[in-house]
Amino acid sequence: MEGLGRLAGGVAHDFNNLLTVISGYTEIVYRKLQEGDPQRARLDQVLKAGARAADLTQQLLAFSRKQVIQPRPLNLNLIVADSERMFERLLGEDIQLETRLSPTLGR
């Protein structure tokens, strides 16, 4: 387990460095675009995916350091809705994505 933890930490560290560059340049381009530009919506999705990847990286780093991960409440409906917008752009026109969110789902 110790070796696996070190490997996970090394990969997570390198991935985090790459992710920082990707997110940074995406943010620069995002800020240069005018409000209402359709490219901003696409870049917004890239930034959200980068944030999710950063969270995953932090979990890997916590595992490699044997830290206790602090659980936090999530709004699953919001996560699914955000993912739905991303998938709609990726899926072809011949594929229909249907989600069923629960209005009574707790955090």
Protein backbone atom coordinates (compact mmCIF):
# COMPACT_ATOMS: atom_id res chain seq x y z
CA MET A 1 0.00 0.00 0.00
CA GLU A 2 2.89 2.34 0.73
CA GLY A 3 4.25 1.94 -2.81
CA LEU A 4 0.80 2.46 -4.28
CA GLY A 5 0.40 5.61 -2.22
CA ARG A 6 3.71 7.00 -3.46
CA LEU A 7 2.80 6.19 -7.06
CA ALA A 8 -0.61 7.85 -6.69
CA GLY A 9 1.02 10.91 -5.14
CA GLY A 10 3.58 11.23 -7.93
CA VAL A 11 0.99 10.88 -10.67
CA ALA A 12 -1.39 13.27 -8.91
CA HIS A 13 1.38 15.85 -8.46
CA ASP A 14 2.37 15.73 -12.15
CA PHE A 15 -1.27 15.79 -13.24
CA ASN A 16 -1.95 18.76 -10.99
CA ASN A 17 0.91 20.67 -12.64
CA LEU A 18 -0.54 20.01 -16.10
CA LEU A 19 -4.03 20.87 -14.91
CA THR A 20 -2.83 24.20 -13.56
CA VAL A 21 -1.46 25.16 -16.98
CA ILE A 22 -4.62 24.02 -18.80
CA SER A 23 -6.93 25.82 -16.39
CA GLY A 24 -4.77 28.95 -16.37
CA TYR A 25 -4.69 29.36 -20.14
CA THR A 26 -8.40 28.54 -20.38
CA GLU A 27 -9.14 31.28 -17.84
CA ILE A 28 -7.03 33.79 -19.81
CA VAL A 29 -8.89 33.06 -23.06
CA TYR A 30 -12.26 33.05 -21.22
CA ARG A 31 -11.65 36.54 -19.82
CA LYS A 32 -10.69 37.93 -23.25
CA LEU A 33 -13.98 36.86 -24.85
CA GLN A 34 -16.97 39.19 -24.83
CA GLU A 35 -20.04 38.37 -22.75
CA GLY A 36 -22.46 36.37 -24.91
CA ASP A 37 -19.75 34.82 -27.08
CA PRO A 38 -20.71 31.14 -27.59
CA GLN A 39 -17.10 30.12 -26.98
CA ARG A 40 -17.42 31.36 -23.38
CA ALA A 41 -20.02 28.69 -22.63
CA ARG A 42 -17.68 26.03 -23.98
CA LEU A 43 -14.74 27.36 -22.01
CA ASP A 44 -16.93 27.52 -18.91
CA GLN A 45 -17.46 23.78 -19.26
CA VAL A 46 -13.68 23.28 -19.57
CA LEU A 47 -13.16 25.30 -16.38
CA LYS A 48 -15.80 23.28 -14.52
CA ALA A 49 -14.23 20.01 -15.68
CA GLY A 50 -10.86 21.36 -14.56
CA ALA A 51 -12.26 22.10 -11.12
CA ARG A 52 -13.67 18.56 -10.86
CA ALA A 53 -10.30 17.16 -11.97
CA ALA A 54 -8.56 19.30 -9.35
CA ASP A 55 -10.87 17.85 -6.67
CA LEU A 56 -10.00 14.35 -7.83
CA THR A 57 -6.30 15.21 -7.76
CA GLN A 58 -6.63 16.46 -4.18
CA GLN A 59 -8.25 13.14 -3.24
CA LEU A 60 -5.33 11.24 -4.76
CA LEU A 61 -2.84 13.46 -2.95
CA ALA A 62 -4.72 12.93 0.32
CA PHE A 63 -4.58 9.17 -0.25
CA SER A 64 -0.85 9.28 -0.94
CA ARG A 65 -0.25 11.24 2.28
CA LYS A 66 -2.61 9.01 4.27
CA GLN A 67 -4.74 12.04 5.11
CA VAL A 68 -8.35 11.74 6.10
CA ILE A 69 -10.53 13.17 3.35
CA GLN A 70 -13.06 15.65 4.64
CA PRO A 71 -16.45 14.62 3.26
CA ARG A 72 -18.76 17.44 2.26
CA PRO A 73 -22.39 17.49 1.21
CA LEU A 74 -23.05 17.53 -2.52
CA ASN A 75 -26.04 18.58 -4.55
CA LEU A 76 -26.25 15.58 -6.90
CA ASN A 77 -28.97 17.19 -9.00
CA LEU A 78 -26.61 20.08 -9.75
CA ILE A 79 -23.73 17.74 -10.60
CA VAL A 80 -25.93 15.70 -12.95
CA ALA A 81 -27.32 18.86 -14.61
CA ASP A 82 -23.81 20.23 -15.17
CA SER A 83 -22.68 16.90 -16.61
CA GLU A 84 -25.75 16.76 -18.84
CA ARG A 85 -24.79 20.02 -20.58
CA MET A 86 -21.30 18.68 -21.21
CA PHE A 87 -22.58 15.35 -22.58
CA GLU A 88 -25.10 17.03 -24.87
CA ARG A 89 -22.23 18.79 -26.61
CA LEU A 90 -20.25 15.58 -26.92
CA LEU A 91 -22.99 13.21 -28.04
CA GLY A 92 -24.11 13.06 -31.64
CA GLU A 93 -27.45 14.39 -32.79
CA ASP A 94 -28.76 10.83 -33.14
CA ILE A 95 -28.37 10.19 -29.39
CA GLN A 96 -30.85 11.62 -26.94
CA LEU A 97 -29.74 12.02 -23.33
CA GLU A 98 -32.48 11.94 -20.73
CA THR A 99 -31.95 12.66 -17.06
CA ARG A 100 -34.42 12.42 -14.23
CA LEU A 101 -33.60 14.73 -11.35
CA SER A 102 -35.27 14.31 -8.00
CA PRO A 103 -36.85 17.44 -6.50
CA THR A 104 -36.79 15.75 -3.06
CA LEU A 105 -33.18 14.56 -3.17
CA GLY A 106 -31.26 15.76 -0.16
CA ARG A 107 -27.61 16.74 0.00
